[in-house]
N, C-alpha and C. Protein backbone atom coordinates (compact mmCIF):
# COMPACT_ATOMS: atom_id res chain seq x y z
N MET A 1 112.52 96.87 70.98
CA MET A 1 112.30 96.65 72.40
C MET A 1 110.82 96.32 72.64
N ASP A 2 110.55 95.52 73.60
CA ASP A 2 109.20 95.08 73.93
C ASP A 2 108.33 96.25 74.43
N THR A 3 107.10 96.29 73.95
CA THR A 3 106.17 97.36 74.32
C THR A 3 105.95 97.42 75.82
N LEU A 4 105.71 96.28 76.45
CA LEU A 4 105.47 96.26 77.89
C LEU A 4 106.67 96.77 78.67
N TYR A 5 107.85 96.40 78.24
CA TYR A 5 109.09 96.86 78.89
C TYR A 5 109.19 98.38 78.81
N ARG A 6 108.90 98.93 77.64
CA ARG A 6 108.97 100.39 77.46
C ARG A 6 107.88 101.09 78.26
N LEU A 7 106.69 100.48 78.32
CA LEU A 7 105.62 101.07 79.13
C LEU A 7 105.97 101.03 80.61
N GLN A 8 106.64 99.98 81.04
CA GLN A 8 107.05 99.90 82.44
C GLN A 8 107.95 101.08 82.79
N SER A 9 108.82 101.45 81.88
CA SER A 9 109.69 102.61 82.09
C SER A 9 108.86 103.89 82.26
N VAL A 10 107.83 104.04 81.44
CA VAL A 10 106.94 105.20 81.56
C VAL A 10 106.28 105.21 82.93
N PHE A 11 105.72 104.08 83.33
CA PHE A 11 105.04 104.00 84.62
C PHE A 11 106.00 104.26 85.78
N ARG A 12 107.21 103.74 85.68
CA ARG A 12 108.19 103.97 86.74
C ARG A 12 108.51 105.46 86.86
N ASN A 13 108.61 106.14 85.74
CA ASN A 13 108.88 107.58 85.76
C ASN A 13 107.69 108.34 86.33
N VAL A 14 106.49 108.02 85.90
CA VAL A 14 105.29 108.72 86.37
C VAL A 14 105.11 108.56 87.87
N PHE A 15 105.28 107.34 88.36
CA PHE A 15 105.05 107.07 89.77
C PHE A 15 106.31 107.16 90.63
N ASP A 16 107.42 107.57 90.00
CA ASP A 16 108.69 107.76 90.69
C ASP A 16 109.04 106.54 91.55
N ASP A 17 108.94 105.37 90.91
CA ASP A 17 109.20 104.10 91.60
C ASP A 17 110.00 103.19 90.68
N PRO A 18 111.34 103.17 90.86
CA PRO A 18 112.19 102.38 89.97
C PRO A 18 111.99 100.87 90.07
N THR A 19 111.25 100.41 91.07
CA THR A 19 111.02 98.98 91.23
C THR A 19 109.62 98.55 90.79
N LEU A 20 108.80 99.50 90.35
CA LEU A 20 107.43 99.20 89.95
C LEU A 20 107.40 98.17 88.83
N LYS A 21 106.57 97.16 88.99
CA LYS A 21 106.40 96.14 87.96
C LYS A 21 104.94 96.18 87.51
N ILE A 22 104.75 96.29 86.21
CA ILE A 22 103.40 96.29 85.65
C ILE A 22 103.22 95.04 84.80
N THR A 23 101.97 94.67 84.61
CA THR A 23 101.62 93.61 83.68
C THR A 23 100.51 94.16 82.79
N LYS A 24 100.14 93.41 81.79
CA LYS A 24 99.04 93.87 80.95
C LYS A 24 97.73 93.93 81.73
N GLU A 25 97.66 93.21 82.84
CA GLU A 25 96.46 93.20 83.66
C GLU A 25 96.39 94.39 84.62
N THR A 26 97.50 95.12 84.78
CA THR A 26 97.48 96.30 85.65
C THR A 26 96.45 97.28 85.10
N SER A 27 95.54 97.71 85.99
CA SER A 27 94.45 98.57 85.52
C SER A 27 94.20 99.71 86.48
N THR A 28 93.38 100.64 86.04
CA THR A 28 93.00 101.76 86.90
C THR A 28 92.26 101.25 88.13
N ALA A 29 91.55 100.16 88.01
CA ALA A 29 90.81 99.59 89.14
C ALA A 29 91.72 98.91 90.15
N SER A 30 92.82 98.31 89.67
CA SER A 30 93.70 97.55 90.56
C SER A 30 94.88 98.37 91.09
N PHE A 31 95.02 99.59 90.60
CA PHE A 31 96.17 100.42 90.95
C PHE A 31 95.65 101.80 91.35
N PRO A 32 95.31 102.00 92.62
CA PRO A 32 94.66 103.23 93.08
C PRO A 32 95.44 104.52 92.77
N GLU A 33 96.75 104.42 92.68
CA GLU A 33 97.55 105.61 92.38
C GLU A 33 97.34 106.10 90.94
N TRP A 34 96.75 105.27 90.11
CA TRP A 34 96.52 105.60 88.70
C TRP A 34 95.23 106.43 88.61
N ASP A 35 95.36 107.70 88.95
CA ASP A 35 94.21 108.60 88.93
C ASP A 35 94.24 109.44 87.65
N SER A 36 93.39 110.45 87.57
CA SER A 36 93.29 111.23 86.34
C SER A 36 94.57 112.01 86.04
N VAL A 37 95.24 112.49 87.06
CA VAL A 37 96.49 113.21 86.84
C VAL A 37 97.55 112.24 86.33
N ALA A 38 97.64 111.08 86.95
CA ALA A 38 98.59 110.06 86.50
C ALA A 38 98.28 109.64 85.06
N MET A 39 96.99 109.56 84.73
CA MET A 39 96.60 109.16 83.36
C MET A 39 97.18 110.14 82.34
N VAL A 40 97.07 111.41 82.62
CA VAL A 40 97.63 112.43 81.70
C VAL A 40 99.13 112.23 81.57
N GLN A 41 99.81 112.02 82.68
CA GLN A 41 101.26 111.82 82.64
C GLN A 41 101.63 110.54 81.91
N ILE A 42 100.87 109.48 82.11
CA ILE A 42 101.12 108.21 81.43
C ILE A 42 100.94 108.37 79.92
N VAL A 43 99.85 109.03 79.53
CA VAL A 43 99.59 109.24 78.10
C VAL A 43 100.70 110.08 77.48
N LEU A 44 101.06 111.19 78.12
CA LEU A 44 102.13 112.03 77.57
C LEU A 44 103.46 111.28 77.52
N GLY A 45 103.77 110.54 78.58
CA GLY A 45 105.01 109.77 78.60
C GLY A 45 105.04 108.70 77.53
N THR A 46 103.90 108.06 77.30
CA THR A 46 103.81 107.03 76.26
C THR A 46 103.96 107.64 74.88
N GLU A 47 103.34 108.78 74.67
CA GLU A 47 103.46 109.46 73.37
C GLU A 47 104.91 109.83 73.09
N VAL A 48 105.61 110.32 74.09
CA VAL A 48 107.02 110.67 73.91
C VAL A 48 107.86 109.42 73.69
N GLU A 49 107.65 108.40 74.50
CA GLU A 49 108.44 107.16 74.41
C GLU A 49 108.32 106.50 73.04
N PHE A 50 107.11 106.50 72.48
CA PHE A 50 106.88 105.80 71.22
C PHE A 50 106.79 106.72 70.02
N GLY A 51 106.86 108.04 70.24
CA GLY A 51 106.81 108.98 69.13
C GLY A 51 105.47 108.96 68.41
N ILE A 52 104.38 108.84 69.19
CA ILE A 52 103.04 108.77 68.61
C ILE A 52 102.13 109.78 69.29
N ARG A 53 100.93 109.95 68.76
CA ARG A 53 99.92 110.80 69.38
C ARG A 53 98.63 110.01 69.47
N PHE A 54 97.99 110.06 70.62
CA PHE A 54 96.70 109.41 70.81
C PHE A 54 95.57 110.40 70.57
N THR A 55 94.47 109.92 70.04
CA THR A 55 93.28 110.75 69.92
C THR A 55 92.60 110.82 71.29
N THR A 56 91.73 111.80 71.44
CA THR A 56 90.97 111.92 72.68
C THR A 56 90.13 110.67 72.92
N ASP A 57 89.53 110.13 71.87
CA ASP A 57 88.73 108.91 72.00
C ASP A 57 89.59 107.74 72.47
N ALA A 58 90.80 107.65 71.94
CA ALA A 58 91.70 106.56 72.34
C ALA A 58 92.04 106.68 73.82
N VAL A 59 92.35 107.88 74.27
CA VAL A 59 92.69 108.09 75.68
C VAL A 59 91.49 107.74 76.56
N ALA A 60 90.30 108.11 76.14
CA ALA A 60 89.09 107.81 76.92
C ALA A 60 88.84 106.31 77.05
N SER A 61 89.40 105.51 76.15
CA SER A 61 89.18 104.07 76.18
C SER A 61 90.17 103.32 77.08
N ILE A 62 91.17 104.01 77.60
CA ILE A 62 92.22 103.36 78.39
C ILE A 62 91.71 103.03 79.79
N ARG A 63 91.81 101.75 80.13
CA ARG A 63 91.46 101.27 81.47
C ARG A 63 92.55 100.38 82.06
N SER A 64 93.53 100.00 81.20
CA SER A 64 94.57 99.08 81.67
C SER A 64 95.83 99.24 80.83
N VAL A 65 96.89 98.61 81.29
CA VAL A 65 98.13 98.58 80.53
C VAL A 65 97.90 97.89 79.19
N ALA A 66 97.07 96.85 79.18
CA ALA A 66 96.76 96.14 77.93
C ALA A 66 96.14 97.09 76.91
N ASP A 67 95.28 98.00 77.37
CA ASP A 67 94.66 98.96 76.46
C ASP A 67 95.71 99.88 75.85
N ILE A 68 96.65 100.34 76.67
CA ILE A 68 97.71 101.21 76.16
C ILE A 68 98.58 100.45 75.17
N ALA A 69 98.96 99.23 75.52
CA ALA A 69 99.80 98.42 74.62
C ALA A 69 99.10 98.20 73.28
N ARG A 70 97.79 97.92 73.33
CA ARG A 70 97.03 97.70 72.10
C ARG A 70 97.03 98.97 71.24
N LEU A 71 96.83 100.12 71.87
CA LEU A 71 96.83 101.39 71.12
C LEU A 71 98.20 101.65 70.48
N VAL A 72 99.26 101.40 71.24
CA VAL A 72 100.61 101.60 70.72
C VAL A 72 100.86 100.66 69.54
N GLU A 73 100.51 99.39 69.70
CA GLU A 73 100.77 98.41 68.65
C GLU A 73 99.90 98.67 67.42
N ASN A 74 98.66 99.10 67.63
CA ASN A 74 97.79 99.46 66.50
C ASN A 74 98.35 100.67 65.76
N HIS A 75 98.86 101.63 66.50
CA HIS A 75 99.42 102.82 65.88
C HIS A 75 100.63 102.46 65.04
N ALA A 76 101.47 101.59 65.58
CA ALA A 76 102.66 101.15 64.85
C ALA A 76 102.30 100.41 63.57
N GLY A 77 101.19 99.65 63.63
CA GLY A 77 100.75 98.90 62.46
C GLY A 77 100.13 99.76 61.38
N ASN A 78 99.75 100.98 61.73
CA ASN A 78 99.12 101.89 60.77
C ASN A 78 100.10 102.82 60.11
N GLU A 79 101.37 102.70 60.43
CA GLU A 79 102.35 103.62 59.85
C GLU A 79 103.02 103.01 58.65
């Protein structure tokens, strides 16, 4: 399944919005609801969805959906 599609499911669950559409350009700057609490929920939801764990440094680098997708894809490539 496509990474962005799976991430969209995570975002829809976190923000309780079944119609939410994200793109790789969706960022903390362009999406005001994406605050620090939402970030924790997004990270935890992504870890569960993909069966991975992010380092603290990796989480600190997240500013957009593209950043999360890159981390997920890099993690998959290292296994």
